[in-house]
Amino acid sequence: MMKKKLCFPDWIPLLLLCHLQLPTLVCSKHHGNPANDLVEIINQNRTAQKLERLNDSPGLGCMALQYVELCKGNCSGNSAVNCKPPTDDFTEVFAPNCGVELPTIGTITGHIVGCQSKYTEPSLAFANVLVKDNKSLSVLRNKSHNEVGVGLIGFHEGPFFWCVLFSNGGTNSSFVLEDRGEGIKQNKGCYSGSAFPCNAGHKSAMLFNYIITFSYLFVSLLNQI
């Protein structure tokens, strides 16, 4: 008896590629960095209101990542982050951890922080976690902002945190990263404008992605026999 030849449907390679990307931060428009995607969504919202686009500042984004990393374990049921780091932490902790040149630290003109039990794509995080009331919408559309930075992180035994920091600093002259803009590589999380790959820090999500991928592959193979 001739056995039917096994073959992969056309969508299998794409599915495999997406699921084997960085854990839970997969198939992002900007090469697996959803923080960049959120910056683009923020700017689309602003330009729709005839407001200026904001410069994506890697230094500010890295400090946003430091903000949410400090606030782990402070996520309430309504996606609020019950955490407010001291003002001095921006210059004494966040900036040094990122390699931001201290003389270039500008004024933070606003921030939005939110959390959720699991990762969702940037558009949903924007609408359901970060900009879900008039207060946060007012911060987003403040005319004094010139720069924006986004950081996010997921914890092995906890939720995902997002942070958006705004500044009125000048383009390429505030929150400047040392080492020709490279700064200090972060071992966890993502931040916008980063020259380094994302590190999701959420091992269980990685395992979940692998399970889904190989389940699809297995079912597909069975259907071809």
N, C-alpha and C. Protein backbone atom coordinates (compact mmCIF):
# COMPACT_ATOMS: atom_id res chain seq x y z
N MET A 1 0.85 -1.19 0.00
CA MET A 1 0.00 0.00 0.00
C MET A 1 0.88 1.25 0.00
N MET A 2 0.57 2.19 -0.87
CA MET A 2 1.34 3.42 -0.94
C MET A 2 0.90 4.38 0.15
N LYS A 3 1.85 4.83 0.90
CA LYS A 3 1.53 5.78 1.96
C LYS A 3 1.45 7.19 1.38
N LYS A 4 0.52 7.96 1.95
CA LYS A 4 0.37 9.34 1.51
C LYS A 4 1.55 10.17 2.00
N LYS A 5 2.12 10.94 1.12
CA LYS A 5 3.29 11.76 1.47
C LYS A 5 2.90 12.87 2.44
N LEU A 6 3.71 13.00 3.51
CA LEU A 6 3.47 14.06 4.48
C LEU A 6 3.95 15.38 3.90
N CYS A 7 3.20 16.41 4.13
CA CYS A 7 3.61 17.73 3.68
C CYS A 7 3.10 18.78 4.65
N PHE A 8 3.73 19.92 4.65
CA PHE A 8 3.34 21.01 5.53
C PHE A 8 2.48 22.01 4.75
N PRO A 9 1.36 22.42 5.31
CA PRO A 9 0.59 23.49 4.68
C PRO A 9 1.41 24.76 4.63
N ASP A 10 1.02 25.68 3.77
CA ASP A 10 1.79 26.90 3.58
C ASP A 10 1.88 27.75 4.84
N TRP A 11 0.85 27.63 5.74
CA TRP A 11 0.85 28.51 6.90
C TRP A 11 1.72 27.99 8.03
N ILE A 12 2.17 26.74 7.95
CA ILE A 12 2.94 26.16 9.05
C ILE A 12 4.28 26.88 9.27
N PRO A 13 5.08 27.14 8.20
CA PRO A 13 6.34 27.84 8.45
C PRO A 13 6.16 29.20 9.11
N LEU A 14 5.10 29.94 8.68
CA LEU A 14 4.85 31.25 9.28
C LEU A 14 4.47 31.11 10.74
N LEU A 15 3.61 30.14 11.03
CA LEU A 15 3.20 29.91 12.41
C LEU A 15 4.38 29.55 13.28
N LEU A 16 5.23 28.68 12.77
CA LEU A 16 6.41 28.26 13.52
C LEU A 16 7.32 29.45 13.79
N LEU A 17 7.50 30.29 12.79
CA LEU A 17 8.36 31.45 12.95
C LEU A 17 7.82 32.39 14.02
N CYS A 18 6.52 32.63 13.99
CA CYS A 18 5.93 33.55 14.96
C CYS A 18 6.03 33.03 16.38
N HIS A 19 5.72 31.76 16.57
CA HIS A 19 5.70 31.21 17.92
C HIS A 19 7.09 30.97 18.49
N LEU A 20 8.08 30.88 17.66
CA LEU A 20 9.43 30.67 18.18
C LEU A 20 10.20 31.97 18.33
N GLN A 21 9.51 33.10 18.18
CA GLN A 21 10.13 34.38 18.45
C GLN A 21 10.20 34.58 19.95
N LEU A 22 10.60 35.75 20.40
CA LEU A 22 10.72 36.03 21.81
C LEU A 22 9.41 35.71 22.52
N PRO A 23 9.47 35.12 23.71
CA PRO A 23 8.28 34.66 24.41
C PRO A 23 7.27 35.77 24.61
N THR A 24 6.03 35.49 24.20
CA THR A 24 4.86 36.33 24.32
C THR A 24 4.98 37.65 23.60
N LEU A 25 6.16 38.04 23.16
CA LEU A 25 6.32 39.31 22.47
C LEU A 25 6.53 39.03 21.00
N VAL A 26 5.70 38.15 20.45
CA VAL A 26 5.94 37.60 19.13
C VAL A 26 5.25 38.40 18.04
N CYS A 27 5.84 38.28 16.83
CA CYS A 27 5.25 38.86 15.63
C CYS A 27 4.97 40.34 15.79
N SER A 28 5.78 41.03 16.52
CA SER A 28 5.63 42.47 16.67
C SER A 28 6.05 43.15 15.39
N LYS A 29 5.42 44.27 15.08
CA LYS A 29 5.72 45.01 13.85
C LYS A 29 7.18 45.43 13.81
N HIS A 30 7.74 45.78 14.96
CA HIS A 30 9.10 46.28 15.01
C HIS A 30 10.05 45.20 15.52
N HIS A 31 10.14 44.09 14.82
CA HIS A 31 11.13 43.06 15.09
C HIS A 31 11.08 42.55 16.53
N GLY A 32 9.88 42.30 17.03
CA GLY A 32 9.77 41.69 18.34
C GLY A 32 9.86 42.66 19.50
N ASN A 33 9.77 43.96 19.26
CA ASN A 33 9.80 44.94 20.34
C ASN A 33 8.47 45.69 20.41
N PRO A 34 7.55 45.22 21.25
CA PRO A 34 6.23 45.87 21.32
C PRO A 34 6.28 47.26 21.93
N ALA A 35 7.37 47.60 22.62
CA ALA A 35 7.50 48.96 23.15
C ALA A 35 7.55 49.96 21.99
N ASN A 36 8.23 49.60 20.91
CA ASN A 36 8.25 50.45 19.72
C ASN A 36 6.87 50.57 19.09
N ASP A 37 6.14 49.46 19.09
CA ASP A 37 4.79 49.48 18.54
C ASP A 37 3.90 50.44 19.33
N LEU A 38 4.05 50.43 20.66
CA LEU A 38 3.22 51.30 21.48
C LEU A 38 3.56 52.77 21.23
N VAL A 39 4.83 53.08 21.03
CA VAL A 39 5.21 54.45 20.69
C VAL A 39 4.52 54.89 19.40
N GLU A 40 4.48 54.01 18.42
CA GLU A 40 3.81 54.34 17.15
C GLU A 40 2.31 54.56 17.36
N ILE A 41 1.69 53.75 18.21
CA ILE A 41 0.26 53.91 18.50
C ILE A 41 0.01 55.24 19.20
N ILE A 42 0.88 55.60 20.13
CA ILE A 42 0.77 56.89 20.83
C ILE A 42 0.86 58.04 19.83
N ASN A 43 1.80 57.96 18.92
CA ASN A 43 1.97 59.04 17.95
C ASN A 43 0.81 59.10 16.95
N GLN A 44 0.26 57.96 16.60
CA GLN A 44 -0.92 57.96 15.72
C GLN A 44 -2.10 58.63 16.41
N ASN A 45 -2.26 58.36 17.71
CA ASN A 45 -3.34 58.98 18.46
C ASN A 45 -3.15 60.49 18.55
N ARG A 46 -1.92 60.93 18.74
CA ARG A 46 -1.64 62.37 18.85
C ARG A 46 -1.85 63.08 17.50
N THR A 47 -1.33 62.49 16.44
CA THR A 47 -1.47 63.15 15.14
C THR A 47 -2.93 63.19 14.68
N ALA A 48 -3.72 62.21 15.12
CA ALA A 48 -5.16 62.23 14.81
C ALA A 48 -5.84 63.42 15.47
N GLN A 49 -5.23 63.93 16.55
CA GLN A 49 -5.75 65.11 17.24
C GLN A 49 -4.99 66.38 16.84
N LYS A 50 -4.22 66.26 15.75
CA LYS A 50 -3.43 67.37 15.21
C LYS A 50 -2.37 67.86 16.21
N LEU A 51 -1.84 66.93 16.98
CA LEU A 51 -0.74 67.22 17.90
C LEU A 51 0.56 66.71 17.29
N GLU A 52 1.67 67.25 17.74
CA GLU A 52 2.98 66.86 17.22
C GLU A 52 3.33 65.42 17.61
N ARG A 53 4.02 64.74 16.70
CA ARG A 53 4.58 63.43 17.03
C ARG A 53 5.69 63.62 18.06
N LEU A 54 5.88 62.61 18.88
CA LEU A 54 6.88 62.66 19.93
C LEU A 54 8.12 61.88 19.50
N ASN A 55 9.28 62.40 19.86
CA ASN A 55 10.52 61.69 19.58
C ASN A 55 10.64 60.47 20.48
N ASP A 56 11.00 59.34 19.90
CA ASP A 56 11.19 58.10 20.65
C ASP A 56 12.58 58.13 21.29
N SER A 57 12.63 58.30 22.61
CA SER A 57 13.90 58.42 23.32
C SER A 57 14.28 57.11 23.99
N PRO A 58 15.35 56.43 23.52
CA PRO A 58 15.78 55.17 24.16
C PRO A 58 16.14 55.35 25.64
N GLY A 59 16.78 56.47 25.97
CA GLY A 59 17.14 56.70 27.36
C GLY A 59 15.92 56.80 28.25
N LEU A 60 14.90 57.51 27.77
CA LEU A 60 13.65 57.64 28.52
C LEU A 60 12.92 56.30 28.57
N GLY A 61 12.98 55.54 27.47
CA GLY A 61 12.35 54.22 27.46
C GLY A 61 13.00 53.27 28.45
N CYS A 62 14.32 53.31 28.54
CA CYS A 62 15.02 52.45 29.48
C CYS A 62 14.66 52.82 30.91
N MET A 63 14.50 54.10 31.19
CA MET A 63 14.11 54.53 32.53
C MET A 63 12.67 54.11 32.83
N ALA A 64 11.82 54.06 31.80
CA ALA A 64 10.45 53.55 31.98
C ALA A 64 10.49 52.07 32.35
N LEU A 65 11.43 51.34 31.75
CA LEU A 65 11.60 49.93 32.10
C LEU A 65 12.04 49.79 33.56
N GLN A 66 12.95 50.65 34.00
CA GLN A 66 13.40 50.61 35.39
C GLN A 66 12.23 50.88 36.34
N TYR A 67 11.37 51.79 35.93
CA TYR A 67 10.20 52.15 36.74
C TYR A 67 9.34 50.92 37.02
N VAL A 68 8.97 50.20 35.96
CA VAL A 68 8.07 49.06 36.16
C VAL A 68 8.78 47.87 36.80
N GLU A 69 10.08 47.76 36.58
CA GLU A 69 10.81 46.67 37.23
C GLU A 69 10.81 46.88 38.74
N LEU A 70 10.88 48.12 39.16
CA LEU A 70 10.84 48.44 40.59
C LEU A 70 9.47 48.17 41.18
N CYS A 71 8.43 48.27 40.35
CA CYS A 71 7.06 48.18 40.84
C CYS A 71 6.46 46.77 40.75
N LYS A 72 7.26 45.78 40.48
CA LYS A 72 6.73 44.42 40.38
C LYS A 72 6.03 44.02 41.69
N GLY A 73 4.94 43.28 41.54
CA GLY A 73 4.19 42.85 42.71
C GLY A 73 3.19 43.87 43.20
N ASN A 74 3.00 44.96 42.45
CA ASN A 74 2.07 46.02 42.87
C ASN A 74 0.99 46.24 41.82
N CYS A 75 0.40 45.17 41.35
CA CYS A 75 -0.65 45.25 40.33
C CYS A 75 -2.00 44.95 40.97
N SER A 76 -2.94 45.88 40.84
CA SER A 76 -4.27 45.68 41.41
C SER A 76 -5.19 45.04 40.38
N GLY A 77 -6.39 44.69 40.81
CA GLY A 77 -7.32 44.01 39.93
C GLY A 77 -7.84 44.86 38.79
N ASN A 78 -7.75 46.17 38.90
CA ASN A 78 -8.25 47.05 37.83
C ASN A 78 -7.13 47.57 36.93
N SER A 79 -6.03 46.82 36.86
CA SER A 79 -4.88 47.14 36.00
C SER A 79 -4.09 48.35 36.47
N ALA A 80 -4.32 48.78 37.70
CA ALA A 80 -3.58 49.92 38.24
C ALA A 80 -2.32 49.43 38.94
N VAL A 81 -1.28 50.23 38.87
CA VAL A 81 -0.02 49.92 39.53
C VAL A 81 0.09 50.77 40.79
N ASN A 82 0.00 50.13 41.93
CA ASN A 82 0.05 50.84 43.20
C ASN A 82 1.49 51.04 43.64
N CYS A 83 2.18 51.89 42.91
CA CYS A 83 3.60 52.08 43.15
C CYS A 83 4.00 53.45 42.62
N LYS A 84 4.70 54.21 43.43
CA LYS A 84 5.18 55.52 43.01
C LYS A 84 6.59 55.71 43.52
N PRO A 85 7.59 55.41 42.69
CA PRO A 85 8.99 55.54 43.12
C PRO A 85 9.32 56.97 43.52
N PRO A 86 10.21 57.16 44.48
CA PRO A 86 10.64 58.51 44.85
C PRO A 86 11.22 59.24 43.65
N THR A 87 11.06 60.54 43.61
CA THR A 87 11.59 61.35 42.51
C THR A 87 13.09 61.17 42.34
N ASP A 88 13.79 61.03 43.45
CA ASP A 88 15.25 60.88 43.39
C ASP A 88 15.67 59.60 42.67
N ASP A 89 14.78 58.60 42.60
CA ASP A 89 15.13 57.34 41.94
C ASP A 89 15.43 57.53 40.46
N PHE A 90 14.85 58.55 39.85
CA PHE A 90 15.09 58.78 38.43
C PHE A 90 16.55 59.12 38.16
N THR A 91 17.15 59.91 39.05
CA THR A 91 18.54 60.31 38.85
C THR A 91 19.52 59.39 39.57
N GLU A 92 19.10 58.79 40.68
CA GLU A 92 20.02 58.00 41.49
C GLU A 92 19.97 56.50 41.20
N VAL A 93 18.88 56.04 40.59
CA VAL A 93 18.72 54.60 40.32
C VAL A 93 18.48 54.33 38.84
N PHE A 94 17.42 54.91 38.30
CA PHE A 94 17.02 54.59 36.93
C PHE A 94 18.07 54.99 35.91
N ALA A 95 18.53 56.23 35.99
CA ALA A 95 19.52 56.71 35.01
C ALA A 95 20.82 55.92 35.07
N PRO A 96 21.41 55.69 36.25
CA PRO A 96 22.64 54.90 36.29
C PRO A 96 22.46 53.47 35.79
N ASN A 97 21.30 52.86 36.09
CA ASN A 97 21.05 51.49 35.63
C ASN A 97 20.96 51.39 34.12
N CYS A 98 20.63 52.51 33.47
CA CYS A 98 20.49 52.53 32.02
C CYS A 98 21.73 53.05 31.32
N GLY A 99 22.56 53.76 32.06
CA GLY A 99 23.70 54.41 31.43
C GLY A 99 23.31 55.73 30.80
N VAL A 100 22.32 56.41 31.39
CA VAL A 100 21.93 57.74 30.90
C VAL A 100 22.90 58.77 31.48
N GLU A 101 23.42 59.61 30.63
CA GLU A 101 24.36 60.63 31.09
C GLU A 101 23.62 61.64 31.97
N LEU A 102 24.06 61.76 33.21
CA LEU A 102 23.34 62.57 34.20
C LEU A 102 23.11 64.02 33.77
N PRO A 103 24.07 64.69 33.13
CA PRO A 103 23.82 66.08 32.73
C PRO A 103 22.70 66.24 31.70
N THR A 104 22.31 65.13 31.06
CA THR A 104 21.30 65.22 30.00
C THR A 104 19.90 64.87 30.49
N ILE A 105 19.75 64.53 31.76
CA ILE A 105 18.44 64.16 32.28
C ILE A 105 17.51 65.37 32.23
N GLY A 106 16.39 65.21 31.55
CA GLY A 106 15.44 66.30 31.41
C GLY A 106 14.29 66.18 32.39
N THR A 107 13.27 66.98 32.15
CA THR A 107 12.09 67.00 33.01
C THR A 107 11.06 65.98 32.55
N ILE A 108 10.57 65.16 33.49
CA ILE A 108 9.48 64.23 33.19
C ILE A 108 8.18 65.02 33.24
N THR A 109 7.50 65.12 32.11
CA THR A 109 6.27 65.93 32.03
C THR A 109 5.00 65.11 32.22
N GLY A 110 5.14 63.81 32.33
CA GLY A 110 3.97 62.97 32.56
C GLY A 110 4.33 61.51 32.48
N HIS A 111 3.51 60.66 33.03
CA HIS A 111 3.73 59.22 32.95
C HIS A 111 2.40 58.48 33.04
N ILE A 112 2.36 57.33 32.41
CA ILE A 112 1.19 56.43 32.47
C ILE A 112 1.73 55.03 32.75
N VAL A 113 1.16 54.39 33.75
CA VAL A 113 1.60 53.04 34.13
C VAL A 113 0.39 52.13 34.23
N GLY A 114 0.54 50.90 33.78
CA GLY A 114 -0.55 49.93 33.89
C GLY A 114 -0.02 48.52 33.92
N CYS A 115 -0.86 47.59 34.33
CA CYS A 115 -0.45 46.19 34.41
C CYS A 115 -1.62 45.29 34.04
N GLN A 116 -1.30 44.04 33.75
CA GLN A 116 -2.32 43.07 33.39
C GLN A 116 -1.80 41.68 33.73
N SER A 117 -2.71 40.75 33.85
CA SER A 117 -2.32 39.41 34.30
C SER A 117 -1.50 38.66 33.27
N LYS A 118 -1.65 39.00 31.99
CA LYS A 118 -0.90 38.34 30.94
C LYS A 118 -0.60 39.34 29.83
N TYR A 119 0.31 38.97 28.96
CA TYR A 119 0.68 39.86 27.87
C TYR A 119 -0.42 39.94 26.81
N THR A 120 -0.69 41.13 26.32
CA THR A 120 -1.56 41.32 25.17
C THR A 120 -0.85 42.26 24.20
N GLU A 121 -1.27 42.26 22.97
CA GLU A 121 -0.60 43.08 21.96
C GLU A 121 -0.71 44.56 22.31
N PRO A 122 0.21 45.38 21.79
CA PRO A 122 0.28 46.79 22.16
C PRO A 122 -1.03 47.57 21.97
N SER A 123 -1.76 47.30 20.91
CA SER A 123 -3.00 48.06 20.68
C SER A 123 -4.02 47.81 21.79
N LEU A 124 -4.09 46.56 22.27
CA LEU A 124 -5.01 46.24 23.37
C LEU A 124 -4.49 46.79 24.69
N ALA A 125 -3.18 46.73 24.88
CA ALA A 125 -2.60 47.29 26.10
C ALA A 125 -2.84 48.80 26.15
N PHE A 126 -2.75 49.45 25.00
CA PHE A 126 -2.98 50.88 24.92
C PHE A 126 -4.41 51.23 25.34
N ALA A 127 -5.38 50.51 24.77
CA ALA A 127 -6.78 50.84 24.99
C ALA A 127 -7.33 50.34 26.32
N ASN A 128 -6.88 49.17 26.75
CA ASN A 128 -7.49 48.53 27.91
C ASN A 128 -6.70 48.65 29.20
N VAL A 129 -5.42 49.00 29.07
CA VAL A 129 -4.57 49.03 30.27
C VAL A 129 -4.04 50.43 30.56
N LEU A 130 -3.57 51.11 29.53
CA LEU A 130 -2.89 52.38 29.75
C LEU A 130 -3.78 53.61 29.58
N VAL A 131 -4.52 53.68 28.49
CA VAL A 131 -5.33 54.87 28.20
C VAL A 131 -6.81 54.48 28.26
N LYS A 132 -7.29 54.29 29.45
CA LYS A 132 -8.66 53.79 29.63
C LYS A 132 -9.57 54.80 30.33
N ASP A 133 -9.07 56.01 30.60
CA ASP A 133 -9.92 57.04 31.21
C ASP A 133 -9.46 58.42 30.75
N ASN A 134 -10.22 59.43 31.11
CA ASN A 134 -9.92 60.80 30.67
C ASN A 134 -8.62 61.32 31.25
N LYS A 135 -8.27 60.86 32.44
CA LYS A 135 -7.04 61.33 33.08
C LYS A 135 -5.81 60.90 32.27
N SER A 136 -5.75 59.63 31.92
CA SER A 136 -4.60 59.15 31.15
C SER A 136 -4.62 59.71 29.72
N LEU A 137 -5.82 59.91 29.17
CA LEU A 137 -5.92 60.49 27.83
C LEU A 137 -5.41 61.93 27.84
N SER A 138 -5.68 62.65 28.93
CA SER A 138 -5.19 64.01 29.06
C SER A 138 -3.67 64.05 29.13
N VAL A 139 -3.08 63.08 29.84
CA VAL A 139 -1.62 62.99 29.91
C VAL A 139 -1.05 62.71 28.52
N LEU A 140 -1.66 61.79 27.81
CA LEU A 140 -1.19 61.41 26.48
C LEU A 140 -1.16 62.60 25.52
N ARG A 141 -2.17 63.45 25.61
CA ARG A 141 -2.33 64.54 24.65
C ARG A 141 -1.81 65.89 25.16
N ASN A 142 -1.03 65.86 26.20
CA ASN A 142 -0.46 67.09 26.74
C ASN A 142 0.47 67.72 25.71
N LYS A 143 0.29 69.00 25.45
CA LYS A 143 1.07 69.68 24.42
C LYS A 143 2.50 69.99 24.84
N SER A 144 2.83 69.83 26.12
CA SER A 144 4.18 70.13 26.58
C SER A 144 5.16 69.00 26.32
N HIS A 145 4.66 67.83 25.92
CA HIS A 145 5.55 66.70 25.66
C HIS A 145 6.30 66.88 24.35
N ASN A 146 7.57 66.52 24.36
CA ASN A 146 8.37 66.44 23.13
C ASN A 146 8.91 65.05 22.88
N GLU A 147 9.09 64.29 23.97
CA GLU A 147 9.69 62.96 23.88
C GLU A 147 8.82 61.93 24.59
N VAL A 148 9.00 60.68 24.20
CA VAL A 148 8.29 59.58 24.85
C VAL A 148 9.22 58.38 24.93
N GLY A 149 9.05 57.59 25.97
CA GLY A 149 9.78 56.34 26.12
C GLY A 149 8.87 55.31 26.75
N VAL A 150 8.92 54.09 26.25
CA VAL A 150 8.04 53.03 26.74
C VAL A 150 8.88 51.86 27.24
N GLY A 151 8.51 51.33 28.39
CA GLY A 151 9.15 50.13 28.92
C GLY A 151 8.10 49.12 29.33
N LEU A 152 8.39 47.84 29.19
CA LEU A 152 7.48 46.80 29.66
C LEU A 152 8.28 45.60 30.13
N ILE A 153 7.68 44.87 31.05
CA ILE A 153 8.34 43.69 31.59
C ILE A 153 7.30 42.71 32.10
N GLY A 154 7.59 41.41 31.94
CA GLY A 154 6.73 40.37 32.47
C GLY A 154 7.53 39.52 33.44
N PHE A 155 6.90 39.15 34.54
CA PHE A 155 7.60 38.38 35.56
C PHE A 155 7.14 36.94 35.58
N HIS A 156 8.06 36.06 35.98
CA HIS A 156 7.80 34.63 35.95
C HIS A 156 6.59 34.24 36.78
N GLU A 157 6.38 34.90 37.90
CA GLU A 157 5.25 34.58 38.77
C GLU A 157 4.37 35.81 38.98
N GLY A 158 4.21 36.59 37.96
CA GLY A 158 3.40 37.79 38.12
C GLY A 158 2.94 38.35 36.79
N PRO A 159 2.30 39.49 36.80
CA PRO A 159 1.72 40.08 35.59
C PRO A 159 2.72 40.84 34.75
N PHE A 160 2.22 41.39 33.65
CA PHE A 160 3.01 42.27 32.79
C PHE A 160 2.76 43.72 33.18
N PHE A 161 3.81 44.50 33.15
CA PHE A 161 3.73 45.92 33.48
C PHE A 161 4.16 46.75 32.27
N TRP A 162 3.44 47.83 32.03
CA TRP A 162 3.77 48.79 30.97
C TRP A 162 3.98 50.15 31.61
N CYS A 163 4.93 50.92 31.11
CA CYS A 163 5.14 52.28 31.58
C CYS A 163 5.46 53.19 30.40
N VAL A 164 4.82 54.35 30.37
CA VAL A 164 5.10 55.36 29.36
C VAL A 164 5.56 56.61 30.08
N LEU A 165 6.76 57.10 29.74
CA LEU A 165 7.27 58.34 30.31
C LEU A 165 7.33 59.41 29.22
N PHE A 166 6.95 60.61 29.57
CA PHE A 166 7.00 61.74 28.65
C PHE A 166 7.97 62.79 29.18
N SER A 167 8.57 63.54 28.27
CA SER A 167 9.49 64.60 28.65
C SER A 167 9.38 65.76 27.66
N ASN A 168 9.81 66.93 28.11
CA ASN A 168 9.84 68.09 27.21
C ASN A 168 11.25 68.35 26.70
N GLY A 169 12.12 67.36 26.82
CA GLY A 169 13.51 67.52 26.40
C GLY A 169 13.66 67.63 24.89
N GLY A 170 14.82 68.12 24.48
CA GLY A 170 15.09 68.28 23.06
C GLY A 170 15.52 66.98 22.41
N THR A 171 15.19 66.81 21.16
CA THR A 171 15.52 65.60 20.41
C THR A 171 17.04 65.38 20.38
N ASN A 172 17.44 64.18 20.77
CA ASN A 172 18.85 63.75 20.76
C ASN A 172 19.75 64.53 21.73
N SER A 173 19.16 65.34 22.60
CA SER A 173 19.98 66.08 23.54
C SER A 173 19.61 65.83 25.00
N SER A 174 18.53 65.12 25.25
CA SER A 174 18.14 64.78 26.61
C SER A 174 18.06 63.27 26.76
N PHE A 175 18.31 62.79 27.97
CA PHE A 175 18.31 61.37 28.29
C PHE A 175 19.23 60.59 27.33
N VAL A 176 20.40 61.13 27.13
CA VAL A 176 21.37 60.53 26.20
C VAL A 176 22.04 59.34 26.85
N LEU A 177 22.09 58.23 26.13
CA LEU A 177 22.72 57.02 26.64
C LEU A 177 24.23 57.05 26.39
N GLU A 178 24.97 56.54 27.35
CA GLU A 178 26.43 56.48 27.22
C GLU A 178 26.82 55.48 26.13
N ASP A 179 28.11 55.44 25.85
CA ASP A 179 28.67 54.49 24.89
C ASP A 179 28.04 54.64 23.51
N ARG A 180 28.00 55.89 23.05
CA ARG A 180 27.47 56.20 21.72
C ARG A 180 26.03 55.75 21.52
N GLY A 181 25.25 55.92 22.56
CA GLY A 181 23.83 55.61 22.48
C GLY A 181 23.47 54.17 22.79
N GLU A 182 24.45 53.36 23.16
CA GLU A 182 24.17 51.97 23.48
C GLU A 182 23.63 51.82 24.90
N GLY A 183 24.20 52.58 25.84
CA GLY A 183 23.77 52.47 27.22
C GLY A 183 24.15 51.12 27.82
N ILE A 184 23.46 50.74 28.88
CA ILE A 184 23.71 49.47 29.56
C ILE A 184 22.67 48.45 29.14
N LYS A 185 23.11 47.31 28.67
CA LYS A 185 22.18 46.27 28.23
C LYS A 185 21.32 45.80 29.38
N GLN A 186 20.03 45.64 29.13
CA GLN A 186 19.09 45.19 30.15
C GLN A 186 18.85 43.70 30.00
N ASN A 187 18.83 42.99 31.12
CA ASN A 187 18.64 41.54 31.09
C ASN A 187 17.18 41.12 31.10
N LYS A 188 16.30 42.05 31.41
CA LYS A 188 14.87 41.73 31.45
C LYS A 188 14.08 42.85 30.76
N GLY A 189 12.99 42.45 30.13
CA GLY A 189 12.07 43.43 29.60
C GLY A 189 12.45 44.04 28.27
N CYS A 190 11.66 45.03 27.86
CA CYS A 190 11.86 45.74 26.59
C CYS A 190 11.73 47.23 26.83
N TYR A 191 12.40 48.01 26.00
CA TYR A 191 12.14 49.44 26.01
C TYR A 191 12.27 49.98 24.59
N SER A 192 11.53 51.03 24.32
CA SER A 192 11.45 51.56 22.96
C SER A 192 12.77 52.19 22.52
N GLY A 193 13.05 52.05 21.24
CA GLY A 193 14.27 52.61 20.67
C GLY A 193 15.52 51.85 21.01
N SER A 194 15.38 50.70 21.64
CA SER A 194 16.53 49.94 22.10
C SER A 194 17.33 49.35 20.95
N ALA A 195 18.65 49.33 21.14
CA ALA A 195 19.52 48.71 20.15
C ALA A 195 19.71 47.23 20.47
N PHE A 196 19.15 46.78 21.59
CA PHE A 196 19.30 45.39 22.02
C PHE A 196 17.99 44.63 21.84
N PRO A 197 18.07 43.31 21.65
CA PRO A 197 16.84 42.50 21.55
C PRO A 197 16.06 42.53 22.85
N CYS A 198 14.77 42.25 22.74
CA CYS A 198 13.92 42.17 23.94
C CYS A 198 14.24 40.93 24.75
N ASN A 199 14.11 41.06 26.05
CA ASN A 199 14.18 39.92 26.96
C ASN A 199 12.91 39.93 27.78
N ALA A 200 12.00 39.00 27.46
CA ALA A 200 10.66 39.07 28.06
C ALA A 200 10.66 38.74 29.54
N GLY A 201 11.53 37.84 29.98
CA GLY A 201 11.55 37.49 31.38
C GLY A 201 10.31 36.77 31.83
N HIS A 202 9.73 35.95 30.96
CA HIS A 202 8.49 35.26 31.31
C HIS A 202 8.56 33.84 30.76
N LYS A 203 9.25 32.97 31.48
CA LYS A 203 9.56 31.64 30.98
C LYS A 203 8.31 30.80 30.73
N SER A 204 7.29 30.95 31.56
CA SER A 204 6.09 30.14 31.37
C SER A 204 5.42 30.46 30.05
N ALA A 205 5.48 31.74 29.63
CA ALA A 205 4.89 32.13 28.34
C ALA A 205 5.66 31.49 27.20
N MET A 206 7.00 31.39 27.34
CA MET A 206 7.80 30.75 26.30
C MET A 206 7.37 29.29 26.14
N LEU A 207 7.18 28.59 27.25
CA LEU A 207 6.77 27.20 27.20
C LEU A 207 5.40 27.07 26.54
N PHE A 208 4.50 28.01 26.86
CA PHE A 208 3.17 28.00 26.28
C PHE A 208 3.22 28.16 24.77
N ASN A 209 4.08 29.04 24.30
CA ASN A 209 4.22 29.24 22.85
C ASN A 209 4.73 27.99 22.16
N TYR A 210 5.71 27.32 22.78
CA TYR A 210 6.23 26.09 22.21
C TYR A 210 5.15 25.02 22.14
N ILE A 211 4.35 24.89 23.20
CA ILE A 211 3.29 23.89 23.23
C ILE A 211 2.29 24.13 22.10
N ILE A 212 1.88 25.40 21.93
CA ILE A 212 0.92 25.74 20.87
C ILE A 212 1.49 25.39 19.50
N THR A 213 2.73 25.79 19.29
CA THR A 213 3.36 25.56 17.99
C THR A 213 3.40 24.09 17.62
N PHE A 214 3.92 23.28 18.52
CA PHE A 214 4.08 21.87 18.21
C PHE A 214 2.75 21.12 18.22
N SER A 215 1.74 21.66 18.93
CA SER A 215 0.41 21.08 18.85
C SER A 215 -0.17 21.26 17.46
N TYR A 216 0.01 22.46 16.89
CA TYR A 216 -0.45 22.71 15.52
C TYR A 216 0.27 21.80 14.54
N LEU A 217 1.57 21.67 14.74
CA LEU A 217 2.34 20.83 13.84
C LEU A 217 1.88 19.37 13.91
N PHE A 218 1.63 18.90 15.11
CA PHE A 218 1.23 17.50 15.30
C PHE A 218 -0.13 17.24 14.66
N VAL A 219 -1.08 18.14 14.92
CA VAL A 219 -2.42 17.99 14.33
C VAL A 219 -2.36 18.03 12.82
N SER A 220 -1.53 18.93 12.29
CA SER A 220 -1.40 19.05 10.84
C SER A 220 -0.84 17.76 10.24
N LEU A 221 0.16 17.19 10.88
CA LEU A 221 0.74 15.94 10.39
C LEU A 221 -0.28 14.81 10.39
N LEU A 222 -1.09 14.76 11.46
CA LEU A 222 -2.10 13.71 11.53
C LEU A 222 -3.11 13.86 10.38
N ASN A 223 -3.47 15.09 10.07
CA ASN A 223 -4.44 15.33 9.00
C ASN A 223 -3.89 14.96 7.63
N GLN A 224 -2.58 14.94 7.49
CA GLN A 224 -1.97 14.64 6.20
C GLN A 224 -1.74 13.15 5.98
N ILE A 225 -1.88 12.36 7.04
CA ILE A 225 -1.62 10.90 6.92
C ILE A 225 -2.81 10.21 6.27
